[in-house]
């Protein structure tokens, strides 16, 4: 009976050593938790970006106004009869 008690105590001590040693299970759990938090924050950023892109695609599918707005700001589109003023440099074109 004494031997079984000592064997069980040795096993219990070995398990505790695996948990508490440097680089043991506790440290691995902390590292995995930190990685999970990092992935969650990245996913949230990607989710926000996806929602913005989804809304932009929906606007492009449904409205001519969104297409002309993008053309104006990204490509410098000017309609016939419009006068273009560039106020960003403070000089007349």
PDB file of N, CA and C in Angstrom:
ATOM      1  N   UNK A   1       0.816  -1.184   0.000  1.00  0.00           N
ATOM      2  CA  UNK A   1       0.000   0.000   0.000  1.00  0.00           C
ATOM      3  C   UNK A   1       0.871   1.264   0.000  1.00  0.00           C
ATOM      4  N   UNK A   2       2.034   1.190   0.719  1.00  0.00           N
ATOM      5  CA  UNK A   2       2.931   2.336   0.747  1.00  0.00           C
ATOM      6  C   UNK A   2       3.478   2.624  -0.642  1.00  0.00           C
ATOM      7  N   UNK A   3       3.800   1.569  -1.379  1.00  0.00           N
ATOM      8  CA  UNK A   3       4.394   1.744  -2.701  1.00  0.00           C
ATOM      9  C   UNK A   3       3.404   2.393  -3.669  1.00  0.00           C
ATOM     10  N   UNK A   4       2.172   2.002  -3.595  1.00  0.00           N
ATOM     11  CA  UNK A   4       1.149   2.589  -4.467  1.00  0.00           C
ATOM     12  C   UNK A   4       1.003   4.082  -4.169  1.00  0.00           C
ATOM     13  N   UNK A   5       1.019   4.439  -2.887  1.00  0.00           N
ATOM     14  CA  UNK A   5       0.914   5.839  -2.489  1.00  0.00           C
ATOM     15  C   UNK A   5       2.103   6.633  -3.033  1.00  0.00           C
ATOM     16  N   UNK A   6       3.310   6.086  -2.886  1.00  0.00           N
ATOM     17  CA  UNK A   6       4.490   6.782  -3.399  1.00  0.00           C
ATOM     18  C   UNK A   6       4.472   6.889  -4.925  1.00  0.00           C
ATOM     19  N   UNK A   7       4.024   5.848  -5.595  1.00  0.00           N
ATOM     20  CA  UNK A   7       3.932   5.873  -7.060  1.00  0.00           C
ATOM     21  C   UNK A   7       2.924   6.924  -7.504  1.00  0.00           C
ATOM     22  N   UNK A   8       1.770   6.959  -6.845  1.00  0.00           N
ATOM     23  CA  UNK A   8       0.754   7.947  -7.197  1.00  0.00           C
ATOM     24  C   UNK A   8       1.227   9.376  -6.910  1.00  0.00           C
ATOM     25  N   UNK A   9       1.944   9.562  -5.802  1.00  0.00           N
ATOM     26  CA  UNK A   9       2.496  10.876  -5.502  1.00  0.00           C
ATOM     27  C   UNK A   9       3.559  11.285  -6.527  1.00  0.00           C
ATOM     28  N   UNK A  10       4.367  10.333  -6.964  1.00  0.00           N
ATOM     29  CA  UNK A  10       5.378  10.619  -7.986  1.00  0.00           C
ATOM     30  C   UNK A  10       4.708  11.009  -9.305  1.00  0.00           C
ATOM     31  N   UNK A  11       3.652  10.297  -9.671  1.00  0.00           N
ATOM     32  CA  UNK A  11       2.921  10.633 -10.902  1.00  0.00           C
ATOM     33  C   UNK A  11       2.302  12.018 -10.774  1.00  0.00           C
ATOM     34  N   UNK A  12       1.688  12.302  -9.630  1.00  0.00           N
ATOM     35  CA  UNK A  12       1.089  13.611  -9.401  1.00  0.00           C
ATOM     36  C   UNK A  12       2.157  14.710  -9.446  1.00  0.00           C
ATOM     37  N   UNK A  13       3.311  14.459  -8.854  1.00  0.00           N
ATOM     38  CA  UNK A  13       4.410  15.420  -8.907  1.00  0.00           C
ATOM     39  C   UNK A  13       4.887  15.636 -10.336  1.00  0.00           C
ATOM     40  N   UNK A  14       4.988  14.557 -11.108  1.00  0.00           N
ATOM     41  CA  UNK A  14       5.391  14.682 -12.514  1.00  0.00           C
ATOM     42  C   UNK A  14       4.394  15.498 -13.326  1.00  0.00           C
ATOM     43  N   UNK A  15       3.107  15.296 -13.072  1.00  0.00           N
ATOM     44  CA  UNK A  15       2.081  16.071 -13.779  1.00  0.00           C
ATOM     45  C   UNK A  15       2.154  17.554 -13.413  1.00  0.00           C
ATOM     46  N   UNK A  16       2.362  17.834 -12.140  1.00  0.00           N
ATOM     47  CA  UNK A  16       2.495  19.228 -11.722  1.00  0.00           C
ATOM     48  C   UNK A  16       3.739  19.855 -12.328  1.00  0.00           C
ATOM     49  N   UNK A  17       4.802  19.092 -12.419  1.00  0.00           N
ATOM     50  CA  UNK A  17       6.021  19.608 -13.035  1.00  0.00           C
ATOM     51  C   UNK A  17       5.761  19.966 -14.500  1.00  0.00           C
ATOM     52  N   UNK A  18       5.007  19.133 -15.227  1.00  0.00           N
ATOM     53  CA  UNK A  18       4.683  19.411 -16.629  1.00  0.00           C
ATOM     54  C   UNK A  18       3.866  20.692 -16.767  1.00  0.00           C
ATOM     55  N   UNK A  19       3.036  20.967 -15.785  1.00  0.00           N
ATOM     56  CA  UNK A  19       2.198  22.159 -15.844  1.00  0.00           C
ATOM     57  C   UNK A  19       2.999  23.410 -15.512  1.00  0.00           C
ATOM     58  N   UNK A  20       3.792  23.383 -14.446  1.00  0.00           N
ATOM     59  CA  UNK A  20       4.403  24.584 -13.903  1.00  0.00           C
ATOM     60  C   UNK A  20       5.829  24.851 -14.377  1.00  0.00           C
ATOM     61  N   UNK A  21       6.484  23.924 -15.031  1.00  0.00           N
ATOM     62  CA  UNK A  21       7.866  24.160 -15.461  1.00  0.00           C
ATOM     63  C   UNK A  21       7.908  25.278 -16.507  1.00  0.00           C
ATOM     64  N   UNK A  22       9.066  25.947 -16.649  1.00  0.00           N
ATOM     65  CA  UNK A  22       9.193  26.977 -17.693  1.00  0.00           C
ATOM     66  C   UNK A  22       8.992  26.352 -19.069  1.00  0.00           C
ATOM     67  N   UNK A  23       8.118  26.920 -19.853  1.00  0.00           N
ATOM     68  CA  UNK A  23       7.807  26.365 -21.169  1.00  0.00           C
ATOM     69  C   UNK A  23       6.850  25.190 -21.083  1.00  0.00           C
ATOM     70  N   UNK A  24       6.248  24.986 -19.942  1.00  0.00           N
ATOM     71  CA  UNK A  24       5.326  23.869 -19.756  1.00  0.00           C
ATOM     72  C   UNK A  24       3.941  24.181 -20.286  1.00  0.00           C
ATOM     73  N   UNK A  25       2.990  23.404 -19.838  1.00  0.00           N
ATOM     74  CA  UNK A  25       1.633  23.524 -20.331  1.00  0.00           C
ATOM     75  C   UNK A  25       1.019  24.891 -20.038  1.00  0.00           C
ATOM     76  N   UNK A  26       1.331  25.441 -18.896  1.00  0.00           N
ATOM     77  CA  UNK A  26       0.785  26.755 -18.548  1.00  0.00           C
ATOM     78  C   UNK A  26       1.311  27.831 -19.495  1.00  0.00           C
ATOM     79  N   UNK A  27       2.593  27.794 -19.802  1.00  0.00           N
ATOM     80  CA  UNK A  27       3.181  28.761 -20.735  1.00  0.00           C
ATOM     81  C   UNK A  27       2.622  28.555 -22.141  1.00  0.00           C
ATOM     82  N   UNK A  28       2.440  27.306 -22.545  1.00  0.00           N
ATOM     83  CA  UNK A  28       1.872  27.019 -23.858  1.00  0.00           C
ATOM     84  C   UNK A  28       0.436  27.534 -23.960  1.00  0.00           C
ATOM     85  N   UNK A  29      -0.318  27.397 -22.866  1.00  0.00           N
ATOM     86  CA  UNK A  29      -1.684  27.900 -22.847  1.00  0.00           C
ATOM     87  C   UNK A  29      -1.706  29.426 -22.972  1.00  0.00           C
ATOM     88  N   UNK A  30      -0.813  30.100 -22.264  1.00  0.00           N
ATOM     89  CA  UNK A  30      -0.746  31.565 -22.337  1.00  0.00           C
ATOM     90  C   UNK A  30      -0.385  32.021 -23.749  1.00  0.00           C
ATOM     91  N   UNK A  31       0.554  31.315 -24.374  1.00  0.00           N
ATOM     92  CA  UNK A  31       0.948  31.663 -25.739  1.00  0.00           C
ATOM     93  C   UNK A  31      -0.198  31.437 -26.719  1.00  0.00           C
ATOM     94  N   UNK A  32      -0.895  30.320 -26.580  1.00  0.00           N
ATOM     95  CA  UNK A  32      -2.031  30.032 -27.460  1.00  0.00           C
ATOM     96  C   UNK A  32      -3.149  31.056 -27.256  1.00  0.00           C
ATOM     97  N   UNK A  33      -3.362  31.484 -26.018  1.00  0.00           N
ATOM     98  CA  UNK A  33      -4.388  32.497 -25.748  1.00  0.00           C
ATOM     99  C   UNK A  33      -4.026  33.828 -26.395  1.00  0.00           C
ATOM    100  N   UNK A  34      -2.755  34.193 -26.334  1.00  0.00           N
ATOM    101  CA  UNK A  34      -2.307  35.431 -26.960  1.00  0.00           C
ATOM    102  C   UNK A  34      -2.466  35.361 -28.475  1.00  0.00           C
ATOM    103  N   UNK A  35      -2.145  34.222 -29.059  1.00  0.00           N
ATOM    104  CA  UNK A  35      -2.317  34.062 -30.502  1.00  0.00           C
ATOM    105  C   UNK A  35      -3.785  34.131 -30.890  1.00  0.00           C
ATOM    106  N   UNK A  36      -4.654  33.527 -30.085  1.00  0.00           N
ATOM    107  CA  UNK A  36      -6.092  33.559 -30.369  1.00  0.00           C
ATOM    108  C   UNK A  36      -6.615  34.988 -30.310  1.00  0.00           C
ATOM    109  N   UNK A  37      -6.149  35.771 -29.347  1.00  0.00           N
ATOM    110  CA  UNK A  37      -6.567  37.170 -29.256  1.00  0.00           C
ATOM    111  C   UNK A  37      -6.076  37.968 -30.456  1.00  0.00           C
ATOM    112  N   UNK A  38      -4.847  37.695 -30.906  1.00  0.00           N
ATOM    113  CA  UNK A  38      -4.303  38.368 -32.080  1.00  0.00           C
ATOM    114  C   UNK A  38      -5.112  38.023 -33.321  1.00  0.00           C
ATOM    115  N   UNK A  39      -5.434  36.748 -33.492  1.00  0.00           N
ATOM    116  CA  UNK A  39      -6.241  36.329 -34.635  1.00  0.00           C
ATOM    117  C   UNK A  39      -7.632  36.939 -34.583  1.00  0.00           C
ATOM    118  N   UNK A  40      -8.203  37.048 -33.392  1.00  0.00           N
ATOM    119  CA  UNK A  40      -9.534  37.641 -33.260  1.00  0.00           C
ATOM    120  C   UNK A  40      -9.513  39.109 -33.671  1.00  0.00           C
ATOM    121  N   UNK A  41      -8.473  39.841 -33.286  1.00  0.00           N
ATOM    122  CA  UNK A  41      -8.392  41.252 -33.673  1.00  0.00           C
ATOM    123  C   UNK A  41      -8.164  41.391 -35.181  1.00  0.00           C
ATOM    124  N   UNK A  42      -7.350  40.522 -35.761  1.00  0.00           N
ATOM    125  CA  UNK A  42      -7.151  40.547 -37.215  1.00  0.00           C
ATOM    126  C   UNK A  42      -8.449  40.229 -37.941  1.00  0.00           C
ATOM    127  N   UNK A  43      -9.167  39.247 -37.439  1.00  0.00           N
ATOM    128  CA  UNK A  43     -10.439  38.869 -38.063  1.00  0.00           C
ATOM    129  C   UNK A  43     -11.439  40.010 -37.987  1.00  0.00           C
ATOM    130  N   UNK A  44     -11.473  40.718 -36.883  1.00  0.00           N
ATOM    131  CA  UNK A  44     -12.398  41.845 -36.748  1.00  0.00           C
ATOM    132  C   UNK A  44     -12.057  42.933 -37.755  1.00  0.00           C
ATOM    133  N   UNK A  45     -10.760  43.215 -37.922  1.00  0.00           N
ATOM    134  CA  UNK A  45     -10.348  44.202 -38.925  1.00  0.00           C
ATOM    135  C   UNK A  45     -10.723  43.764 -40.334  1.00  0.00           C
ATOM    136  N   UNK A  46     -10.521  42.493 -40.629  1.00  0.00           N
ATOM    137  CA  UNK A  46     -10.882  41.972 -41.953  1.00  0.00           C
ATOM    138  C   UNK A  46     -12.395  41.991 -42.142  1.00  0.00           C
ATOM    139  N   UNK A  47     -13.142  41.725 -41.086  1.00  0.00           N
ATOM    140  CA  UNK A  47     -14.604  41.737 -41.166  1.00  0.00           C
ATOM    141  C   UNK A  47     -15.108  43.152 -41.477  1.00  0.00           C
ATOM    142  N   UNK A  48     -14.519  44.145 -40.837  1.00  0.00           N
ATOM    143  CA  UNK A  48     -14.908  45.530 -41.100  1.00  0.00           C
ATOM    144  C   UNK A  48     -14.578  45.909 -42.537  1.00  0.00           C
ATOM    145  N   UNK A  49     -13.380  45.540 -42.985  1.00  0.00           N
ATOM    146  CA  UNK A  49     -12.973  45.827 -44.359  1.00  0.00           C
ATOM    147  C   UNK A  49     -13.885  45.128 -45.357  1.00  0.00           C
ATOM    148  N   UNK A  50     -14.246  43.880 -45.078  1.00  0.00           N
ATOM    149  CA  UNK A  50     -15.148  43.147 -45.967  1.00  0.00           C
ATOM    150  C   UNK A  50     -16.514  43.812 -46.042  1.00  0.00           C
ATOM    151  N   UNK A  51     -17.017  44.296 -44.914  1.00  0.00           N
ATOM    152  CA  UNK A  51     -18.311  44.980 -44.925  1.00  0.00           C
ATOM    153  C   UNK A  51     -18.265  46.251 -45.750  1.00  0.00           C
ATOM    154  N   UNK A  52     -17.159  46.988 -45.646  1.00  0.00           N
ATOM    155  CA  UNK A  52     -17.001  48.202 -46.448  1.00  0.00           C
ATOM    156  C   UNK A  52     -16.966  47.857 -47.931  1.00  0.00           C
ATOM    157  N   UNK A  53     -16.184  46.838 -48.274  1.00  0.00           N
ATOM    158  CA  UNK A  53     -16.098  46.429 -49.683  1.00  0.00           C
ATOM    159  C   UNK A  53     -17.425  45.888 -50.194  1.00  0.00           C
ATOM    160  N   UNK A  54     -18.131  45.141 -49.354  1.00  0.00           N
ATOM    161  CA  UNK A  54     -19.443  44.604 -49.746  1.00  0.00           C
ATOM    162  C   UNK A  54     -20.429  45.738 -50.027  1.00  0.00           C
ATOM    163  N   UNK A  55     -20.411  46.775 -49.182  1.00  0.00           N
ATOM    164  CA  UNK A  55     -21.292  47.921 -49.399  1.00  0.00           C
ATOM    165  C   UNK A  55     -20.919  48.655 -50.684  1.00  0.00           C
ATOM    166  N   UNK A  56     -19.617  48.775 -50.937  1.00  0.00           N
ATOM    167  CA  UNK A  56     -19.182  49.444 -52.156  1.00  0.00           C
ATOM    168  C   UNK A  56     -19.587  48.660 -53.401  1.00  0.00           C
ATOM    169  N   UNK A  57     -19.464  47.342 -53.354  1.00  0.00           N
ATOM    170  CA  UNK A  57     -19.875  46.511 -54.488  1.00  0.00           C
ATOM    171  C   UNK A  57     -21.375  46.640 -54.709  1.00  0.00           C
ATOM    172  N   UNK A  58     -22.144  46.647 -53.622  1.00  0.00           N
ATOM    173  CA  UNK A  58     -23.594  46.793 -53.735  1.00  0.00           C
ATOM    174  C   UNK A  58     -23.958  48.141 -54.359  1.00  0.00           C
ATOM    175  N   UNK A  59     -23.258  49.196 -53.954  1.00  0.00           N
ATOM    176  CA  UNK A  59     -23.492  50.510 -54.558  1.00  0.00           C
ATOM    177  C   UNK A  59     -23.155  50.504 -56.044  1.00  0.00           C
ATOM    178  N   UNK A  60     -22.053  49.846 -56.391  1.00  0.00           N
ATOM    179  CA  UNK A  60     -21.650  49.807 -57.799  1.00  0.00           C
ATOM    180  C   UNK A  60     -22.639  49.008 -58.636  1.00  0.00           C
ATOM    181  N   UNK A  61     -23.217  47.973 -58.059  1.00  0.00           N
ATOM    182  CA  UNK A  61     -24.199  47.170 -58.794  1.00  0.00           C
ATOM    183  C   UNK A  61     -25.500  47.933 -59.001  1.00  0.00           C
ATOM    184  N   UNK A  62     -25.902  48.706 -58.016  1.00  0.00           N
ATOM    185  CA  UNK A  62     -27.237  49.293 -58.033  1.00  0.00           C
ATOM    186  C   UNK A  62     -27.302  50.753 -58.472  1.00  0.00           C
ATOM    187  N   UNK A  63     -26.206  51.453 -58.463  1.00  0.00           N
ATOM    188  CA  UNK A  63     -26.346  52.876 -58.742  1.00  0.00           C
ATOM    189  C   UNK A  63     -25.305  53.434 -59.674  1.00  0.00           C
ATOM    190  N   UNK A  64     -25.775  54.264 -60.585  1.00  0.00           N
ATOM    191  CA  UNK A  64     -24.892  54.960 -61.510  1.00  0.00           C
ATOM    192  C   UNK A  64     -24.113  56.050 -60.779  1.00  0.00           C
ATOM    193  N   UNK A  65     -24.706  56.600 -59.727  1.00  0.00           N
ATOM    194  CA  UNK A  65     -24.075  57.680 -58.976  1.00  0.00           C
ATOM    195  C   UNK A  65     -22.767  57.225 -58.338  1.00  0.00           C
ATOM    196  N   UNK A  66     -22.741  56.011 -57.807  1.00  0.00           N
ATOM    197  CA  UNK A  66     -21.522  55.510 -57.179  1.00  0.00           C
ATOM    198  C   UNK A  66     -20.414  55.327 -58.205  1.00  0.00           C
ATOM    199  N   UNK A  67     -20.780  54.877 -59.393  1.00  0.00           N
ATOM    200  CA  UNK A  67     -19.781  54.686 -60.447  1.00  0.00           C
ATOM    201  C   UNK A  67     -19.192  56.028 -60.867  1.00  0.00           C
ATOM    202  N   UNK A  68     -20.058  57.024 -61.045  1.00  0.00           N
ATOM    203  CA  UNK A  68     -19.542  58.328 -61.449  1.00  0.00           C
ATOM    204  C   UNK A  68     -18.730  58.967 -60.332  1.00  0.00           C
ATOM    205  N   UNK A  69     -19.116  58.743 -59.083  1.00  0.00           N
ATOM    206  CA  UNK A  69     -18.342  59.288 -57.968  1.00  0.00           C
ATOM    207  C   UNK A  69     -16.937  58.687 -57.921  1.00  0.00           C
ATOM    208  N   UNK A  70     -16.851  57.360 -58.094  1.00  0.00           N
ATOM    209  CA  UNK A  70     -15.529  56.725 -58.134  1.00  0.00           C
ATOM    210  C   UNK A  70     -14.718  57.224 -59.321  1.00  0.00           C
ATOM    211  N   UNK A  71     -15.360  57.380 -60.464  1.00  0.00           N
ATOM    212  CA  UNK A  71     -14.651  57.868 -61.646  1.00  0.00           C
ATOM    213  C   UNK A  71     -14.142  59.284 -61.426  1.00  0.00           C
ATOM    214  N   UNK A  72     -14.916  60.104 -60.752  1.00  0.00           N
ATOM    215  CA  UNK A  72     -14.495  61.479 -60.495  1.00  0.00           C
ATOM    216  C   UNK A  72     -13.274  61.528 -59.578  1.00  0.00           C
ATOM    217  N   UNK A  73     -13.325  60.792 -58.472  1.00  0.00           N
ATOM    218  CA  UNK A  73     -12.261  60.891 -57.475  1.00  0.00           C
ATOM    219  C   UNK A  73     -11.016  60.082 -57.834  1.00  0.00           C
ATOM    220  N   UNK A  74     -11.198  58.947 -58.469  1.00  0.00           N
ATOM    221  CA  UNK A  74     -10.030  58.110 -58.750  1.00  0.00           C
ATOM    222  C   UNK A  74      -9.444  58.346 -60.134  1.00  0.00           C
ATOM    223  N   UNK A  75     -10.276  58.708 -61.094  1.00  0.00           N
ATOM    224  CA  UNK A  75      -9.800  58.846 -62.467  1.00  0.00           C
ATOM    225  C   UNK A  75      -9.853  60.278 -62.994  1.00  0.00           C
ATOM    226  N   UNK A  76     -10.426  61.209 -62.223  1.00  0.00           N
ATOM    227  CA  UNK A  76     -10.504  62.590 -62.673  1.00  0.00           C
ATOM    228  C   UNK A  76     -11.570  62.821 -63.724  1.00  0.00           C
ATOM    229  N   UNK A  77     -12.642  62.044 -63.696  1.00  0.00           N
ATOM    230  CA  UNK A  77     -13.729  62.147 -64.670  1.00  0.00           C
ATOM    231  C   UNK A  77     -14.419  63.496 -64.555  1.00  0.00           C
ATOM    232  N   UNK A  78     -14.654  64.142 -65.698  1.00  0.00           N
ATOM    233  CA  UNK A  78     -15.376  65.407 -65.759  1.00  0.00           C
ATOM    234  C   UNK A  78     -16.454  65.265 -66.829  1.00  0.00           C
ATOM    235  N   UNK A  79     -17.689  65.610 -66.488  1.00  0.00           N
ATOM    236  CA  UNK A  79     -18.791  65.518 -67.454  1.00  0.00           C
ATOM    237  C   UNK A  79     -18.719  66.669 -68.449  1.00  0.00           C
ATOM    238  N   UNK A  80     -19.386  66.481 -69.575  1.00  0.00           N
ATOM    239  CA  UNK A  80     -19.470  67.550 -70.566  1.00  0.00           C
ATOM    240  C   UNK A  80     -20.221  68.725 -69.957  1.00  0.00           C
ATOM    241  N   UNK A  81     -19.694  69.905 -70.158  1.00  0.00           N
ATOM    242  CA  UNK A  81     -20.335  71.114 -69.662  1.00  0.00           C
ATOM    243  C   UNK A  81     -19.895  71.499 -68.259  1.00  0.00           C
ATOM    244  N   UNK A  82     -19.126  70.668 -67.600  1.00  0.00           N
ATOM    245  CA  UNK A  82     -18.649  70.991 -66.261  1.00  0.00           C
ATOM    246  C   UNK A  82     -17.312  71.719 -66.353  1.00  0.00           C
ATOM    247  N   UNK A  83     -17.049  72.540 -65.347  1.00  0.00           N
ATOM    248  CA  UNK A  83     -15.778  73.258 -65.270  1.00  0.00           C
ATOM    249  C   UNK A  83     -15.023  72.689 -64.077  1.00  0.00           C
ATOM    250  N   UNK A  84     -13.768  72.332 -64.302  1.00  0.00           N
ATOM    251  CA  UNK A  84     -12.949  71.710 -63.261  1.00  0.00           C
ATOM    252  C   UNK A  84     -12.078  72.763 -62.589  1.00  0.00           C
ATOM    253  N   UNK A  85     -12.174  72.829 -61.267  1.00  0.00           N
ATOM    254  CA  UNK A  85     -11.328  73.719 -60.476  1.00  0.00           C
ATOM    255  C   UNK A  85     -10.497  72.863 -59.541  1.00  0.00           C
ATOM    256  N   UNK A  86      -9.185  73.007 -59.602  1.00  0.00           N
ATOM    257  CA  UNK A  86      -8.282  72.284 -58.707  1.00  0.00           C
ATOM    258  C   UNK A  86      -7.870  73.228 -57.591  1.00  0.00           C
ATOM    259  N   UNK A  87      -8.429  73.029 -56.408  1.00  0.00           N
ATOM    260  CA  UNK A  87      -8.161  73.902 -55.282  1.00  0.00           C
ATOM    261  C   UNK A  87      -7.101  73.332 -54.345  1.00  0.00           C
ATOM    262  N   UNK A  88      -6.562  72.184 -54.676  1.00  0.00           N
ATOM    263  CA  UNK A  88      -5.627  71.528 -53.759  1.00  0.00           C
ATOM    264  C   UNK A  88      -4.267  72.204 -53.746  1.00  0.00           C
ATOM    265  N   UNK A  89      -3.856  72.871 -54.817  1.00  0.00           N
ATOM    266  CA  UNK A  89      -2.538  73.474 -54.866  1.00  0.00           C
ATOM    267  C   UNK A  89      -2.565  74.977 -54.606  1.00  0.00           C
ATOM    268  N   UNK A  90      -3.723  75.559 -54.594  1.00  0.00           N
ATOM    269  CA  UNK A  90      -3.820  76.987 -54.369  1.00  0.00           C
ATOM    270  C   UNK A  90      -3.514  77.814 -55.611  1.00  0.00           C
ATOM    271  N   UNK A  91      -3.338  77.164 -56.763  1.00  0.00           N
ATOM    272  CA  UNK A  91      -3.041  77.861 -58.020  1.00  0.00           C
ATOM    273  C   UNK A  91      -4.152  77.592 -59.011  1.00  0.00           C
ATOM    274  N   UNK A  92      -4.287  78.466 -59.987  1.00  0.00           N
ATOM    275  CA  UNK A  92      -5.266  78.220 -61.034  1.00  0.00           C
ATOM    276  C   UNK A  92      -4.678  77.235 -62.039  1.00  0.00           C
ATOM    277  N   UNK A  93      -5.516  76.352 -62.594  1.00  0.00           N
ATOM    278  CA  UNK A  93      -4.972  75.380 -63.573  1.00  0.00           C
ATOM    279  C   UNK A  93      -4.598  76.013 -64.885  1.00  0.00           C
TER     280      UNK A  93
END
